[in-house]
Amino acid sequence: MSLYDPIVRHRAVEKLVTRGTGKDQERKYWRFRIDRWYGGIVTADAVGCGLLCKFCWVSNQIMMKPAEVGKYCGPETVANTLVRMAGKKAIRQIRLSGGEPTIGRDHLLHVLEGLKEQSLLFILETNGILIGQDMSYAHELSEFPFVHVRVSLKGCSEEEFSSLTGAKQEGFQMQLKALQNLVAEHVQCHPAVMVSFSPENSLQRLVESLRAIDPKLVEELETEELILYPSVQTKVRRHGLSYYRSYMPNRVPKELV
């Protein structure tokens, strides 16, 4: 099977899940929820991602048919919904996740504009590809000091990235470049990496790559383990992936939540 260009695919998906430009740009979402992660957080799950991770927890319908699922929401609606849900449960953290929230740049930046007066921590969960591709994206995010970016690395190396996503290997360097750009622009950030498919020596090589960017990234490196939701088990079996470590959804250690 031929490998796809992750930048090209991000741009193609963007045409399917956004409409309009500027402060009026709408983006598709498939749900808003309160979840256990980070000790409690309100989440808006976006539709559409530029990667096709073979272990993704998102359903095939949402992952493979972004044009057919979800509801368009404007930046003001997203910001107000997150704030309202957080207020009801006295939660101080909110995030965009689900798909790739950096798709629809105008939309994301205007969601953040709508949150500037709130005393909330905003966690942007991203694969980093678009931030790595364009330094100015990191610069624009630096205008919002309440934002913390979690860059989710797909494996510990170029080879693992390609094997796990089906994308060209250079996408992995884009992920590292995103961290470099964020650090350069003084944006709060940390790397997270899926390690269930990685031998120990592979993780150590990644650590050295992160250290070369900024030693602080090594201190804050978050390791992710495979969580075997039913849809994930199906995907992993279908792709013939073998893994070293995993957890059932109801047995994730408290320190990892």
Protein backbone atom coordinates (compact mmCIF):
# COMPACT_ATOMS: atom_id res chain seq x y z
CA MET A 1 0.00 0.00 0.00
CA SER A 2 1.37 3.43 -0.92
CA LEU A 3 2.09 5.90 1.87
CA TYR A 4 0.20 9.19 1.98
CA ASP A 5 1.56 12.68 2.54
CA PRO A 6 0.26 13.80 5.96
CA ILE A 7 0.23 17.50 5.04
CA VAL A 8 -1.78 16.85 1.88
CA ARG A 9 -4.25 14.69 3.80
CA HIS A 10 -4.70 17.31 6.54
CA ARG A 11 -5.57 19.88 3.88
CA ALA A 12 -7.96 17.52 2.14
CA VAL A 13 -9.78 16.69 5.38
CA GLU A 14 -9.97 20.38 6.23
CA LYS A 15 -12.16 20.94 3.16
CA LEU A 16 -14.58 18.31 4.47
CA VAL A 17 -14.92 19.48 8.07
CA THR A 18 -14.75 23.30 7.91
CA ARG A 19 -16.66 26.02 6.15
CA GLY A 20 -16.15 29.75 6.02
CA THR A 21 -13.11 31.75 7.09
CA GLY A 22 -11.97 34.14 9.79
CA LYS A 23 -14.05 34.62 12.93
CA ASP A 24 -16.99 32.90 11.25
CA GLN A 25 -15.19 29.70 10.32
CA GLU A 26 -17.21 26.70 11.48
CA ARG A 27 -15.79 23.29 12.31
CA LYS A 28 -17.47 19.91 12.66
CA TYR A 29 -17.76 18.31 16.13
CA TRP A 30 -19.29 15.01 17.05
CA ARG A 31 -19.75 15.49 20.80
CA PHE A 32 -19.06 17.58 23.90
CA ARG A 33 -18.36 15.63 27.07
CA ILE A 34 -16.94 15.59 30.60
CA ASP A 35 -14.23 12.96 31.07
CA ARG A 36 -11.86 11.59 33.73
CA TRP A 37 -8.55 12.50 32.08
CA TYR A 38 -6.35 15.16 33.69
CA GLY A 39 -8.33 14.64 36.88
CA GLY A 40 -11.50 15.92 35.17
CA ILE A 41 -11.87 17.90 31.97
CA VAL A 42 -14.51 19.18 29.56
CA THR A 43 -13.83 18.07 25.99
CA ALA A 44 -15.03 19.05 22.54
CA ASP A 45 -14.36 16.17 20.13
CA ALA A 46 -13.68 17.43 16.62
CA VAL A 47 -14.39 15.49 13.43
CA GLY A 48 -11.55 14.82 11.02
CA CYS A 49 -7.85 14.04 11.30
CA GLY A 50 -5.00 14.11 8.82
CA LEU A 51 -3.57 10.83 10.11
CA LEU A 52 -5.05 7.33 9.92
CA CYS A 53 -3.65 5.79 13.09
CA LYS A 54 -4.17 2.05 13.14
CA PHE A 55 -4.81 2.08 16.90
CA CYS A 56 -7.16 5.11 17.01
CA TRP A 57 -10.02 4.89 19.50
CA VAL A 58 -12.37 6.90 17.27
CA SER A 59 -14.98 4.83 15.45
CA ASN A 60 -14.51 3.98 11.77
CA GLN A 61 -17.61 5.99 10.86
CA ILE A 62 -16.17 9.18 12.35
CA MET A 63 -12.61 8.45 11.25
CA MET A 64 -13.26 7.44 7.66
CA LYS A 65 -16.39 9.45 6.75
CA PRO A 66 -15.82 12.97 8.11
CA ALA A 67 -18.07 14.51 5.44
CA GLU A 68 -21.03 12.48 6.68
CA VAL A 69 -20.85 12.87 10.46
CA GLY A 70 -20.82 15.63 13.05
CA LYS A 71 -22.37 19.08 13.32
CA TYR A 72 -20.87 22.41 12.29
CA CYS A 73 -20.25 24.76 15.20
CA GLY A 74 -18.94 28.31 15.18
CA PRO A 75 -16.10 29.41 17.50
CA GLU A 76 -18.44 31.26 19.85
CA THR A 77 -20.69 28.23 20.25
CA VAL A 78 -17.73 25.97 21.04
CA ALA A 79 -16.21 28.37 23.56
CA ASN A 80 -19.54 29.04 25.29
CA THR A 81 -20.40 25.34 25.48
CA LEU A 82 -17.06 24.46 27.05
CA VAL A 83 -17.33 27.27 29.58
CA ARG A 84 -20.93 26.41 30.49
CA MET A 85 -20.16 22.71 31.00
CA ALA A 86 -17.06 23.49 33.05
CA GLY A 87 -19.02 25.88 35.27
CA LYS A 88 -21.72 23.32 36.03
CA LYS A 89 -19.17 20.85 37.41
CA ALA A 90 -16.63 23.37 38.78
CA ILE A 91 -14.01 22.01 36.37
CA ARG A 92 -11.08 24.30 35.57
CA GLN A 93 -9.73 22.48 32.49
CA ILE A 94 -11.10 22.27 28.95
CA ARG A 95 -9.74 20.82 25.72
CA LEU A 96 -10.21 20.10 22.05
CA SER A 97 -9.54 16.51 21.08
CA GLY A 98 -11.26 13.67 19.24
CA GLY A 99 -9.96 14.45 15.74
CA GLU A 100 -7.18 16.91 14.90
CA PRO A 101 -8.16 20.31 16.36
CA THR A 102 -5.48 22.29 14.51
CA ILE A 103 -7.44 21.64 11.30
CA GLY A 104 -9.47 24.81 10.80
CA ARG A 105 -6.88 27.30 12.03
CA ASP A 106 -9.16 30.35 11.97
CA HIS A 107 -11.79 28.43 13.89
CA LEU A 108 -9.37 27.29 16.60
CA LEU A 109 -7.83 30.73 17.09
CA HIS A 110 -11.25 32.33 17.45
CA VAL A 111 -12.33 29.66 19.95
CA LEU A 112 -9.30 30.74 21.97
CA GLU A 113 -10.23 34.40 21.55
CA GLY A 114 -13.58 33.55 23.11
CA LEU A 115 -11.87 32.05 26.14
CA LYS A 116 -9.44 34.87 26.95
CA GLU A 117 -11.54 36.25 29.81
CA GLN A 118 -11.99 32.84 31.46
CA SER A 119 -9.76 31.46 34.22
CA LEU A 120 -9.48 28.08 32.57
CA LEU A 121 -6.59 25.96 31.36
CA PHE A 122 -7.06 25.03 27.71
CA ILE A 123 -5.33 21.82 26.59
CA LEU A 124 -4.82 21.48 22.85
CA GLU A 125 -4.29 17.82 21.99
CA THR A 126 -2.66 17.60 18.58
CA ASN A 127 -0.49 15.41 16.39
CA GLY A 128 1.50 18.58 15.72
CA ILE A 129 1.80 18.14 11.96
CA LEU A 130 0.37 21.54 11.00
CA ILE A 131 2.26 23.35 13.76
CA GLY A 132 5.47 21.69 12.60
CA GLN A 133 4.79 22.63 9.01
CA ASP A 134 4.23 26.34 9.75
CA MET A 135 6.13 28.22 12.47
CA SER A 136 3.59 31.03 12.42
CA TYR A 137 0.96 28.66 13.89
CA ALA A 138 3.05 28.32 17.05
CA HIS A 139 3.50 32.09 17.12
CA GLU A 140 -0.25 32.64 16.98
CA LEU A 141 -0.82 30.13 19.80
CA SER A 142 1.73 32.03 21.92
CA GLU A 143 -0.77 34.90 22.11
CA PHE A 144 -2.87 32.79 24.50
CA PRO A 145 -0.97 32.14 27.77
CA PHE A 146 -3.73 29.86 29.10
CA VAL A 147 -3.05 27.29 26.35
CA HIS A 148 -1.03 24.14 26.93
CA VAL A 149 -0.24 22.00 23.88
CA ARG A 150 0.05 18.24 24.17
CA VAL A 151 1.81 16.90 21.08
CA SER A 152 0.90 13.24 20.65
CA LEU A 153 3.77 11.45 18.90
CA LYS A 154 2.77 8.39 16.92
CA GLY A 155 5.60 6.07 17.86
CA CYS A 156 9.21 6.75 18.79
CA SER A 157 10.80 6.88 15.35
CA GLU A 158 10.15 7.61 11.70
CA GLU A 159 9.71 3.91 10.98
CA GLU A 160 7.23 3.41 13.80
CA PHE A 161 5.31 6.54 12.80
CA SER A 162 4.90 5.26 9.26
CA SER A 163 3.96 1.76 10.38
CA LEU A 164 1.33 3.02 12.83
CA THR A 165 -0.23 5.71 10.64
CA GLY A 166 0.37 4.60 7.04
CA ALA A 167 1.86 8.04 6.36
CA LYS A 168 5.24 8.98 4.94
CA GLN A 169 8.06 8.89 7.44
CA GLU A 170 8.81 12.61 7.26
CA GLY A 171 5.60 13.19 9.21
CA PHE A 172 7.43 12.12 12.34
CA GLN A 173 9.96 14.90 11.89
CA MET A 174 7.04 17.32 11.51
CA GLN A 175 5.86 16.22 14.95
CA LEU A 176 9.27 16.93 16.46
CA LYS A 177 9.41 20.22 14.56
CA ALA A 178 6.11 21.19 16.18
CA LEU A 179 7.69 20.83 19.60
CA GLN A 180 10.70 22.83 18.45
CA ASN A 181 8.43 25.61 17.14
CA LEU A 182 6.34 25.68 20.31
CA VAL A 183 9.42 25.85 22.53
CA ALA A 184 10.87 28.64 20.39
CA GLU A 185 7.65 30.64 20.76
CA HIS A 186 7.47 29.97 24.53
CA VAL A 187 4.18 28.08 24.29
CA GLN A 188 3.51 25.74 27.19
CA CYS A 189 3.79 22.22 25.79
CA HIS A 190 4.84 18.67 26.39
CA PRO A 191 5.26 15.53 24.27
CA ALA A 192 3.22 12.37 24.71
CA VAL A 193 4.17 9.19 22.90
CA MET A 194 2.40 5.91 22.23
CA VAL A 195 4.94 3.32 23.45
CA SER A 196 2.92 0.10 23.36
CA PHE A 197 4.41 -0.74 19.96
CA SER A 198 7.97 0.40 20.76
CA PRO A 199 10.94 -1.55 22.10
CA GLU A 200 12.82 0.12 24.96
CA ASN A 201 15.79 1.14 22.82
CA SER A 202 13.46 2.99 20.47
CA LEU A 203 12.11 5.07 23.34
CA GLN A 204 15.63 5.90 24.44
CA ARG A 205 16.48 7.22 20.98
CA LEU A 206 13.40 9.42 21.09
CA VAL A 207 14.48 10.76 24.47
CA GLU A 208 17.78 11.88 22.96
CA SER A 209 15.98 13.59 20.07
CA LEU A 210 13.76 15.46 22.53
CA ARG A 211 16.76 16.39 24.67
CA ALA A 212 18.35 18.00 21.63
CA ILE A 213 15.29 20.26 21.29
CA ASP A 214 14.96 21.10 24.99
CA PRO A 215 15.89 18.99 28.05
CA LYS A 216 12.64 20.07 29.70
CA LEU A 217 10.72 18.02 27.11
CA VAL A 218 12.39 14.88 28.44
CA GLU A 219 11.37 15.72 32.00
CA GLU A 220 7.76 16.22 30.88
CA LEU A 221 7.54 13.31 28.43
CA GLU A 222 4.25 11.44 28.85
CA THR A 223 4.15 7.80 27.79
CA GLU A 224 0.86 6.48 26.47
CA GLU A 225 -0.20 2.83 26.62
CA LEU A 226 -2.73 1.17 24.37
CA ILE A 227 -6.24 1.12 25.85
CA LEU A 228 -8.17 -1.80 24.42
CA TYR A 229 -11.57 -0.31 23.72
CA PRO A 230 -13.60 -2.72 21.54
CA SER A 231 -13.03 -0.60 18.41
CA VAL A 232 -9.30 -0.45 19.13
CA GLN A 233 -9.08 -4.22 19.51
CA THR A 234 -10.80 -4.64 16.14
CA LYS A 235 -8.43 -2.21 14.40
CA VAL A 236 -5.29 -3.68 15.94
CA ARG A 237 -6.32 -7.20 14.88
CA ARG A 238 -7.25 -6.06 11.37
CA HIS A 239 -3.89 -4.37 10.86
CA GLY A 240 -1.96 -7.27 12.39
CA LEU A 241 -0.26 -5.04 14.96
CA SER A 242 1.54 -6.66 17.86
CA TYR A 243 2.12 -4.70 21.04
CA TYR A 244 4.12 -4.95 24.24
CA ARG A 245 1.76 -3.35 26.76
CA SER A 246 -1.94 -2.48 27.03
CA TYR A 247 -4.79 -1.85 29.46
CA MET A 248 -8.48 -2.61 29.48
CA PRO A 249 -10.59 0.58 29.72
CA ASN A 250 -11.70 -0.13 33.31
CA ARG A 251 -8.20 -1.01 34.48
CA VAL A 252 -6.16 2.02 33.54
CA PRO A 253 -3.92 2.87 36.52
CA LYS A 254 -5.00 5.98 38.40
CA GLU A 255 -1.63 7.62 37.86
CA LEU A 256 -2.22 7.49 34.07
CA VAL A 257 -5.64 9.13 34.19
